[in-house]
Protein backbone atom coordinates (compact mmCIF):
# COMPACT_ATOMS: atom_id res chain seq x y z
CA MET A 1 6.46 -64.94 38.99
CA ARG A 2 5.13 -62.48 41.51
CA VAL A 3 1.73 -62.46 43.15
CA ILE A 4 0.36 -59.93 45.60
CA VAL A 5 -2.10 -61.85 47.78
CA GLN A 6 -4.73 -59.83 49.60
CA ARG A 7 -7.23 -61.36 51.98
CA VAL A 8 -10.51 -59.66 51.15
CA ARG A 9 -14.06 -59.35 52.38
CA ALA A 10 -15.00 -58.48 48.80
CA SER A 11 -13.25 -57.52 45.58
CA GLN A 12 -14.27 -56.66 42.06
CA VAL A 13 -12.75 -55.59 38.78
CA ALA A 14 -14.43 -53.32 36.25
CA ILE A 15 -13.59 -52.30 32.70
CA ALA A 16 -15.14 -49.09 31.36
CA GLY A 17 -17.63 -49.12 34.24
CA GLU A 18 -18.74 -52.74 33.66
CA VAL A 19 -18.01 -55.26 36.42
CA VAL A 20 -16.32 -58.26 34.78
CA GLY A 21 -15.25 -60.18 37.91
CA LYS A 22 -16.46 -60.13 41.50
CA ILE A 23 -15.98 -62.21 44.66
CA GLU A 24 -17.03 -62.04 48.27
CA ARG A 25 -14.71 -63.40 50.99
CA GLY A 26 -11.49 -64.81 49.60
CA LEU A 27 -8.28 -63.68 47.94
CA ASN A 28 -7.51 -60.93 45.47
CA LEU A 29 -4.46 -62.03 43.44
CA LEU A 30 -2.46 -59.45 41.47
CA VAL A 31 -0.29 -61.50 39.10
CA GLY A 32 2.98 -60.57 37.39
CA ILE A 33 4.63 -62.94 34.93
CA ALA A 34 8.40 -62.82 34.32
CA GLU A 35 10.10 -63.54 31.02
CA THR A 36 11.76 -66.60 32.58
CA ASP A 37 8.57 -68.16 34.04
CA THR A 38 7.54 -71.70 33.10
CA SER A 39 4.75 -74.11 34.01
CA ALA A 40 6.73 -75.12 37.11
CA GLU A 41 6.45 -71.63 38.60
CA LEU A 42 2.72 -71.49 37.77
CA GLU A 43 2.02 -74.84 39.43
CA TRP A 44 3.96 -73.93 42.57
CA MET A 45 2.25 -70.54 42.80
CA ALA A 46 -1.27 -71.89 42.23
CA ARG A 47 -0.80 -74.50 44.96
CA LYS A 48 0.68 -71.89 47.33
CA CYS A 49 -2.19 -69.43 46.78
CA VAL A 50 -4.88 -72.06 47.35
CA GLU A 51 -3.21 -73.66 50.40
CA LEU A 52 -1.74 -70.57 52.12
CA ARG A 53 -3.20 -70.38 55.63
CA ILE A 54 -4.07 -66.72 56.15
CA PHE A 55 -7.68 -66.93 57.37
CA PRO A 56 -8.69 -67.33 61.01
CA LYS A 57 -10.80 -70.28 62.09
CA GLU A 58 -14.01 -69.58 63.97
CA GLY A 59 -13.30 -67.96 67.34
CA SER A 60 -9.60 -67.40 66.67
CA ASP A 61 -7.43 -64.68 65.23
CA ARG A 62 -4.60 -67.04 64.21
CA PHE A 63 -3.87 -67.80 60.56
CA ASP A 64 -5.16 -71.38 60.58
CA ALA A 65 -7.26 -71.77 57.41
CA SER A 66 -6.68 -71.46 53.67
CA VAL A 67 -9.04 -69.99 51.08
CA GLN A 68 -9.82 -73.58 50.15
CA ASP A 69 -10.68 -74.42 53.78
CA ILE A 70 -13.18 -71.55 53.98
CA GLY A 71 -14.62 -72.11 50.48
CA GLY A 72 -13.67 -68.57 49.48
CA GLY A 73 -13.30 -67.09 46.04
CA LEU A 74 -10.32 -65.92 44.00
CA LEU A 75 -10.20 -62.75 41.92
CA VAL A 76 -7.18 -62.92 39.61
CA VAL A 77 -5.92 -59.76 37.91
CA SER A 78 -2.91 -59.58 35.60
CA GLN A 79 -0.46 -56.84 36.60
CA PHE A 80 2.79 -56.59 34.66
CA THR A 81 3.74 -53.55 36.75
CA LEU A 82 4.80 -55.95 39.52
CA TYR A 83 7.98 -56.26 37.46
CA GLY A 84 8.56 -52.50 37.33
CA ASP A 85 12.18 -51.78 38.28
CA CYS A 86 12.40 -48.27 39.76
CA ARG A 87 16.03 -48.32 40.91
CA LYS A 88 17.30 -46.08 38.10
CA GLY A 89 15.82 -42.91 36.70
CA ARG A 90 12.25 -41.76 37.16
CA ARG A 91 10.44 -44.15 34.83
CA PRO A 92 10.10 -47.85 35.68
CA SER A 93 11.77 -50.42 33.47
CA PHE A 94 9.75 -53.52 32.66
CA ASP A 95 12.59 -55.56 31.13
CA GLN A 96 11.97 -58.52 33.46
CA ALA A 97 8.26 -58.77 32.60
CA ALA A 98 7.24 -61.36 30.03
CA ALA A 99 6.26 -60.16 26.57
CA PRO A 100 2.46 -59.79 26.27
CA ASP A 101 1.87 -62.94 24.17
CA LYS A 102 3.88 -65.15 26.50
CA ALA A 103 2.47 -63.47 29.62
CA GLU A 104 -1.13 -63.91 28.49
CA ALA A 105 -0.66 -67.62 27.75
CA LEU A 106 0.97 -68.21 31.15
CA TYR A 107 -1.65 -66.09 32.93
CA GLU A 108 -4.45 -68.14 31.36
CA GLN A 109 -2.67 -71.35 32.36
CA PHE A 110 -2.36 -70.03 35.94
CA VAL A 111 -6.10 -69.25 36.04
CA MET A 112 -6.89 -72.79 34.83
CA LEU A 113 -4.68 -74.28 37.56
CA LEU A 114 -6.56 -72.23 40.16
CA ARG A 115 -9.92 -73.36 38.72
CA ASP A 116 -8.77 -76.98 39.07
CA SER A 117 -8.96 -76.39 42.85
CA GLY A 118 -12.75 -76.26 42.62
CA LEU A 119 -12.92 -72.74 44.00
CA VAL A 120 -14.83 -69.92 42.33
CA VAL A 121 -12.27 -68.03 40.22
CA GLU A 122 -13.10 -64.67 38.66
CA THR A 123 -10.73 -62.61 36.51
CA GLY A 124 -10.14 -59.28 34.94
CA ARG A 125 -9.25 -59.04 31.25
CA PHE A 126 -5.61 -59.43 30.26
CA GLY A 127 -4.12 -56.20 28.92
CA ALA A 128 -7.19 -54.05 29.65
CA MET A 129 -7.28 -50.88 31.73
CA MET A 130 -9.09 -52.07 34.84
CA GLN A 131 -10.41 -50.55 38.03
CA VAL A 132 -9.96 -52.96 40.93
CA SER A 133 -11.94 -52.44 44.13
CA ILE A 134 -10.50 -54.28 47.10
CA GLU A 135 -11.98 -54.46 50.59
CA ASN A 136 -8.86 -55.74 52.30
CA ASP A 137 -9.60 -57.84 55.39
CA GLY A 138 -7.21 -57.33 58.28
CA PRO A 139 -5.52 -55.83 56.32
CA VAL A 140 -3.60 -58.90 55.21
CA THR A 141 -1.35 -58.45 52.17
CA LEU A 142 1.54 -60.73 51.22
CA MET A 143 3.93 -60.90 48.29
CA LEU A 144 4.77 -64.31 46.87
CA GLU A 145 7.65 -64.74 44.49
CA ARG A 146 8.98 -67.76 42.64
CA GLU A 147 11.88 -67.50 40.20
CA ALA A 148 12.71 -70.04 37.54
CA PRO A 149 15.98 -71.84 38.28
CA LYS A 150 18.99 -70.36 36.52
CA THR A 151 20.20 -72.55 33.66
């Protein structure tokens, strides 16, 4: 599983000109699901996203507070292109990305885990062409990755 975490002042996602998800201060999460992902990766990632200390406390510029600490929002957008492999040729390969049915089920489970935190969680629409507006704060952008253990 891969998640691009962006600390934002505001973020929104629109489909065909209609805003379907919008937050103020918080995190924009671009989420890629791998074919090998399980509930264990989702649980680890949800906890990491909610508890990651990347916000400054009042009067400081240090990363001392999490999105949960500041009562921020989460905008979660599915993005299979995070598993685009561009090492060969000129067209990305998406062989590592989960098939759409599996990816959608895991994505929805991930969103539910985030909602269990009590934070406001907004989303895009799985599989739709979306326009995402991100007012990155800092800018602070991190990539989180968690692979299922090899069996």
